[in-house]
Amino acid sequence: MKKILLFCTAGMSTSMMVTKMREAAKKKEVDVLIDAFPEGEMAKHLDEAAVVLLGPQIRYALNRAKNLCEPRQIPVAVINATDYGMMEGEKVLDQALVLMGK
């Protein structure tokens, strides 16, 4: 099972997105594990990650995330602000799947 990790300032707002993404994954019958954590805990949660997505409010952390993820060959990107604001779980799931090559 592939693991999609979302990070934001405290891991709170992304928890709502995780719920929407899980619903979309179930509907699409995509077997993934999706979790959210605070950005400050990123390094300790990357071991089995297939992809990392950052909440748009922490786009400033993209370079740090790339420095942590690229040596592990984990794709990383910032979630589209509109999709995030509208809680478009299916669109964000699709973004993650594209990054994973699915």
N, C-alpha and C. Protein backbone atom coordinates (compact mmCIF):
# COMPACT_ATOMS: atom_id res chain seq x y z
N MET A 1 0.84 -1.18 0.00
CA MET A 1 0.00 0.00 0.00
C MET A 1 0.89 1.24 0.00
N LYS A 2 0.59 2.18 -0.89
CA LYS A 2 1.36 3.42 -0.99
C LYS A 2 0.87 4.41 0.07
N LYS A 3 1.82 5.18 0.59
CA LYS A 3 1.52 6.15 1.65
C LYS A 3 1.65 7.57 1.12
N ILE A 4 0.58 8.35 1.24
CA ILE A 4 0.56 9.76 0.87
C ILE A 4 0.58 10.56 2.16
N LEU A 5 1.57 11.45 2.29
CA LEU A 5 1.68 12.26 3.50
C LEU A 5 1.45 13.72 3.17
N LEU A 6 0.62 14.36 3.98
CA LEU A 6 0.36 15.79 3.87
C LEU A 6 0.95 16.48 5.08
N PHE A 7 1.51 17.67 4.86
CA PHE A 7 2.07 18.45 5.95
C PHE A 7 1.54 19.87 5.90
N CYS A 8 1.26 20.43 7.07
CA CYS A 8 0.88 21.84 7.17
C CYS A 8 1.50 22.39 8.45
N THR A 9 1.09 23.56 8.85
CA THR A 9 1.70 24.20 10.01
C THR A 9 1.58 23.34 11.26
N ALA A 10 0.37 22.88 11.57
CA ALA A 10 0.19 22.09 12.78
C ALA A 10 -0.45 20.73 12.51
N GLY A 11 -0.75 20.42 11.26
CA GLY A 11 -1.37 19.14 10.93
C GLY A 11 -2.88 19.14 11.11
N MET A 12 -3.46 20.31 11.40
CA MET A 12 -4.89 20.37 11.69
C MET A 12 -5.74 20.56 10.43
N SER A 13 -5.45 21.58 9.66
CA SER A 13 -6.28 21.84 8.48
C SER A 13 -6.13 20.72 7.46
N THR A 14 -4.98 20.11 7.40
CA THR A 14 -4.80 19.02 6.45
C THR A 14 -5.57 17.79 6.87
N SER A 15 -5.93 17.67 8.15
CA SER A 15 -6.69 16.49 8.57
C SER A 15 -8.06 16.47 7.89
N MET A 16 -8.64 17.63 7.64
CA MET A 16 -9.90 17.69 6.89
C MET A 16 -9.68 17.24 5.45
N MET A 17 -8.56 17.66 4.86
CA MET A 17 -8.24 17.26 3.50
C MET A 17 -8.00 15.75 3.43
N VAL A 18 -7.36 15.19 4.44
CA VAL A 18 -7.13 13.75 4.49
C VAL A 18 -8.46 13.00 4.43
N THR A 19 -9.44 13.46 5.18
CA THR A 19 -10.76 12.83 5.18
C THR A 19 -11.37 12.85 3.78
N LYS A 20 -11.29 14.00 3.11
CA LYS A 20 -11.84 14.13 1.75
C LYS A 20 -11.07 13.23 0.77
N MET A 21 -9.76 13.17 0.93
CA MET A 21 -8.94 12.33 0.05
C MET A 21 -9.23 10.85 0.27
N ARG A 22 -9.42 10.45 1.52
CA ARG A 22 -9.75 9.06 1.81
C ARG A 22 -11.09 8.67 1.18
N GLU A 23 -12.06 9.58 1.26
CA GLU A 23 -13.36 9.34 0.62
C GLU A 23 -13.20 9.16 -0.88
N ALA A 24 -12.38 10.01 -1.49
CA ALA A 24 -12.15 9.93 -2.94
C ALA A 24 -11.43 8.63 -3.29
N ALA A 25 -10.47 8.23 -2.48
CA ALA A 25 -9.72 6.99 -2.74
C ALA A 25 -10.64 5.78 -2.65
N LYS A 26 -11.53 5.79 -1.68
CA LYS A 26 -12.48 4.69 -1.53
C LYS A 26 -13.40 4.62 -2.75
N LYS A 27 -13.89 5.78 -3.16
CA LYS A 27 -14.78 5.85 -4.32
C LYS A 27 -14.09 5.36 -5.60
N LYS A 28 -12.81 5.71 -5.75
CA LYS A 28 -12.03 5.31 -6.94
C LYS A 28 -11.40 3.93 -6.80
N GLU A 29 -11.56 3.33 -5.62
CA GLU A 29 -10.96 2.02 -5.32
C GLU A 29 -9.44 2.05 -5.47
N VAL A 30 -8.85 3.11 -4.92
CA VAL A 30 -7.39 3.27 -4.92
C VAL A 30 -6.89 2.89 -3.52
N ASP A 31 -5.98 1.95 -3.46
CA ASP A 31 -5.47 1.43 -2.20
C ASP A 31 -4.28 2.26 -1.73
N VAL A 32 -4.55 3.31 -0.94
CA VAL A 32 -3.51 4.18 -0.41
C VAL A 32 -3.78 4.46 1.06
N LEU A 33 -2.72 4.79 1.77
CA LEU A 33 -2.81 5.24 3.14
C LEU A 33 -2.49 6.74 3.12
N ILE A 34 -3.35 7.54 3.72
CA ILE A 34 -3.19 9.00 3.69
C ILE A 34 -3.18 9.51 5.12
N ASP A 35 -2.15 10.29 5.47
CA ASP A 35 -2.02 10.86 6.81
C ASP A 35 -1.53 12.29 6.72
N ALA A 36 -1.76 13.04 7.80
CA ALA A 36 -1.31 14.44 7.89
C ALA A 36 -0.53 14.64 9.19
N PHE A 37 0.50 15.48 9.07
CA PHE A 37 1.36 15.77 10.22
C PHE A 37 1.80 17.23 10.17
N PRO A 38 2.25 17.77 11.30
CA PRO A 38 2.84 19.11 11.30
C PRO A 38 4.15 19.12 10.51
N GLU A 39 4.42 20.19 9.83
CA GLU A 39 5.63 20.32 9.01
C GLU A 39 6.91 20.07 9.82
N GLY A 40 6.92 20.47 11.07
CA GLY A 40 8.09 20.28 11.91
C GLY A 40 8.44 18.82 12.18
N GLU A 41 7.50 17.90 11.91
CA GLU A 41 7.72 16.48 12.14
C GLU A 41 8.02 15.72 10.85
N MET A 42 8.23 16.44 9.75
CA MET A 42 8.38 15.80 8.46
C MET A 42 9.48 14.74 8.45
N ALA A 43 10.64 15.06 8.93
CA ALA A 43 11.79 14.14 8.85
C ALA A 43 11.50 12.78 9.47
N LYS A 44 10.72 12.74 10.52
CA LYS A 44 10.50 11.46 11.20
C LYS A 44 9.36 10.63 10.60
N HIS A 45 8.67 11.15 9.59
CA HIS A 45 7.54 10.42 9.00
C HIS A 45 7.77 9.99 7.56
N LEU A 46 8.95 10.15 7.04
CA LEU A 46 9.19 9.92 5.61
C LEU A 46 9.55 8.49 5.24
N ASP A 47 9.82 7.63 6.20
CA ASP A 47 10.37 6.31 5.90
C ASP A 47 9.63 5.53 4.82
N GLU A 48 8.31 5.49 4.86
CA GLU A 48 7.57 4.69 3.89
C GLU A 48 6.72 5.54 2.96
N ALA A 49 6.99 6.83 2.89
CA ALA A 49 6.18 7.73 2.06
C ALA A 49 6.41 7.48 0.58
N ALA A 50 5.31 7.50 -0.18
CA ALA A 50 5.39 7.41 -1.63
C ALA A 50 5.35 8.80 -2.25
N VAL A 51 4.73 9.74 -1.54
CA VAL A 51 4.63 11.12 -2.02
C VAL A 51 4.36 12.03 -0.82
N VAL A 52 4.85 13.27 -0.90
CA VAL A 52 4.63 14.26 0.14
C VAL A 52 3.98 15.48 -0.50
N LEU A 53 2.89 15.94 0.13
CA LEU A 53 2.21 17.15 -0.31
C LEU A 53 2.20 18.16 0.83
N LEU A 54 2.49 19.40 0.49
CA LEU A 54 2.50 20.48 1.48
C LEU A 54 1.25 21.33 1.32
N GLY A 55 0.67 21.72 2.45
CA GLY A 55 -0.43 22.67 2.41
C GLY A 55 0.08 23.99 1.84
N PRO A 56 -0.76 24.70 1.10
CA PRO A 56 -0.30 25.95 0.47
C PRO A 56 0.20 26.99 1.47
N GLN A 57 -0.25 26.92 2.70
CA GLN A 57 0.18 27.89 3.71
C GLN A 57 1.63 27.69 4.13
N ILE A 58 2.21 26.54 3.78
CA ILE A 58 3.64 26.32 4.10
C ILE A 58 4.47 26.12 2.84
N ARG A 59 4.06 26.75 1.76
CA ARG A 59 4.84 26.64 0.52
C ARG A 59 6.27 27.11 0.73
N TYR A 60 6.48 27.96 1.74
CA TYR A 60 7.84 28.43 2.06
C TYR A 60 8.75 27.27 2.47
N ALA A 61 8.18 26.13 2.86
CA ALA A 61 8.97 24.98 3.32
C ALA A 61 9.30 24.01 2.18
N LEU A 62 8.97 24.37 0.94
CA LEU A 62 9.18 23.46 -0.18
C LEU A 62 10.65 23.07 -0.35
N ASN A 63 11.56 24.02 -0.26
CA ASN A 63 12.98 23.69 -0.42
C ASN A 63 13.46 22.74 0.67
N ARG A 64 13.04 22.99 1.91
CA ARG A 64 13.41 22.09 3.01
C ARG A 64 12.84 20.70 2.75
N ALA A 65 11.59 20.64 2.31
CA ALA A 65 10.96 19.35 2.02
C ALA A 65 11.70 18.62 0.91
N LYS A 66 12.08 19.35 -0.13
CA LYS A 66 12.83 18.73 -1.22
C LYS A 66 14.16 18.18 -0.72
N ASN A 67 14.82 18.93 0.16
CA ASN A 67 16.10 18.46 0.70
C ASN A 67 15.94 17.17 1.50
N LEU A 68 14.79 17.00 2.14
CA LEU A 68 14.54 15.78 2.90
C LEU A 68 14.04 14.63 2.00
N CYS A 69 13.23 14.97 1.01
CA CYS A 69 12.57 13.94 0.20
C CYS A 69 13.38 13.46 -1.00
N GLU A 70 14.05 14.36 -1.69
CA GLU A 70 14.74 13.96 -2.92
C GLU A 70 15.80 12.88 -2.72
N PRO A 71 16.61 12.91 -1.64
CA PRO A 71 17.57 11.82 -1.45
C PRO A 71 16.89 10.46 -1.27
N ARG A 72 15.64 10.48 -0.85
CA ARG A 72 14.85 9.24 -0.66
C ARG A 72 14.00 8.94 -1.89
N GLN A 73 14.13 9.76 -2.91
CA GLN A 73 13.36 9.64 -4.16
C GLN A 73 11.85 9.69 -3.91
N ILE A 74 11.46 10.61 -3.02
CA ILE A 74 10.05 10.83 -2.72
C ILE A 74 9.63 12.12 -3.41
N PRO A 75 8.66 12.06 -4.33
CA PRO A 75 8.19 13.30 -4.95
C PRO A 75 7.49 14.19 -3.93
N VAL A 76 7.67 15.49 -4.09
CA VAL A 76 7.07 16.46 -3.17
C VAL A 76 6.54 17.64 -3.97
N ALA A 77 5.38 18.15 -3.54
CA ALA A 77 4.77 19.30 -4.22
C ALA A 77 3.87 20.05 -3.24
N VAL A 78 3.51 21.26 -3.62
CA VAL A 78 2.57 22.07 -2.85
C VAL A 78 1.18 21.85 -3.43
N ILE A 79 0.22 21.66 -2.57
CA ILE A 79 -1.18 21.50 -3.00
C ILE A 79 -1.68 22.82 -3.57
N ASN A 80 -2.40 22.74 -4.68
CA ASN A 80 -3.01 23.92 -5.29
C ASN A 80 -3.89 24.62 -4.25
N ALA A 81 -3.70 25.94 -4.10
CA ALA A 81 -4.41 26.70 -3.06
C ALA A 81 -5.92 26.65 -3.23
N THR A 82 -6.41 26.70 -4.46
CA THR A 82 -7.85 26.66 -4.69
C THR A 82 -8.41 25.29 -4.31
N ASP A 83 -7.74 24.24 -4.72
CA ASP A 83 -8.18 22.88 -4.39
C ASP A 83 -8.18 22.68 -2.87
N TYR A 84 -7.16 23.23 -2.23
CA TYR A 84 -7.06 23.11 -0.78
C TYR A 84 -8.18 23.89 -0.09
N GLY A 85 -8.38 25.13 -0.52
CA GLY A 85 -9.40 25.97 0.08
C GLY A 85 -10.81 25.43 -0.10
N MET A 86 -11.04 24.78 -1.24
CA MET A 86 -12.36 24.22 -1.53
C MET A 86 -12.48 22.77 -1.03
N MET A 87 -11.42 22.27 -0.40
CA MET A 87 -11.38 20.89 0.10
C MET A 87 -11.74 19.88 -0.99
N GLU A 88 -11.08 20.06 -2.14
CA GLU A 88 -11.27 19.17 -3.29
C GLU A 88 -10.40 17.93 -3.13
N GLY A 89 -10.86 17.01 -2.30
CA GLY A 89 -10.09 15.81 -1.99
C GLY A 89 -9.74 14.98 -3.21
N GLU A 90 -10.67 14.88 -4.16
CA GLU A 90 -10.42 14.08 -5.34
C GLU A 90 -9.30 14.69 -6.20
N LYS A 91 -9.31 16.01 -6.34
CA LYS A 91 -8.26 16.68 -7.13
C LYS A 91 -6.90 16.53 -6.47
N VAL A 92 -6.85 16.65 -5.16
CA VAL A 92 -5.58 16.53 -4.45
C VAL A 92 -5.10 15.08 -4.49
N LEU A 93 -6.01 14.13 -4.38
CA LEU A 93 -5.64 12.72 -4.54
C LEU A 93 -5.06 12.50 -5.94
N ASP A 94 -5.72 13.05 -6.95
CA ASP A 94 -5.22 12.90 -8.31
C ASP A 94 -3.82 13.49 -8.46
N GLN A 95 -3.58 14.64 -7.82
CA GLN A 95 -2.24 15.25 -7.85
C GLN A 95 -1.22 14.27 -7.26
N ALA A 96 -1.54 13.67 -6.13
CA ALA A 96 -0.63 12.72 -5.50
C ALA A 96 -0.39 11.50 -6.39
N LEU A 97 -1.44 11.00 -7.00
CA LEU A 97 -1.31 9.82 -7.86
C LEU A 97 -0.44 10.10 -9.07
N VAL A 98 -0.59 11.28 -9.65
CA VAL A 98 0.26 11.68 -10.79
C VAL A 98 1.72 11.73 -10.35
N LEU A 99 1.97 12.32 -9.20
CA LEU A 99 3.34 12.40 -8.70
C LEU A 99 3.94 11.01 -8.45
N MET A 100 3.09 10.06 -8.10
CA MET A 100 3.55 8.69 -7.85
C MET A 100 3.66 7.90 -9.13
N GLY A 101 3.23 8.49 -10.25
CA GLY A 101 3.29 7.79 -11.53
C GLY A 101 2.14 6.84 -11.76
N LYS A 102 1.02 7.11 -11.12
CA LYS A 102 -0.16 6.22 -11.26
C LYS A 102 -1.16 6.82 -12.21
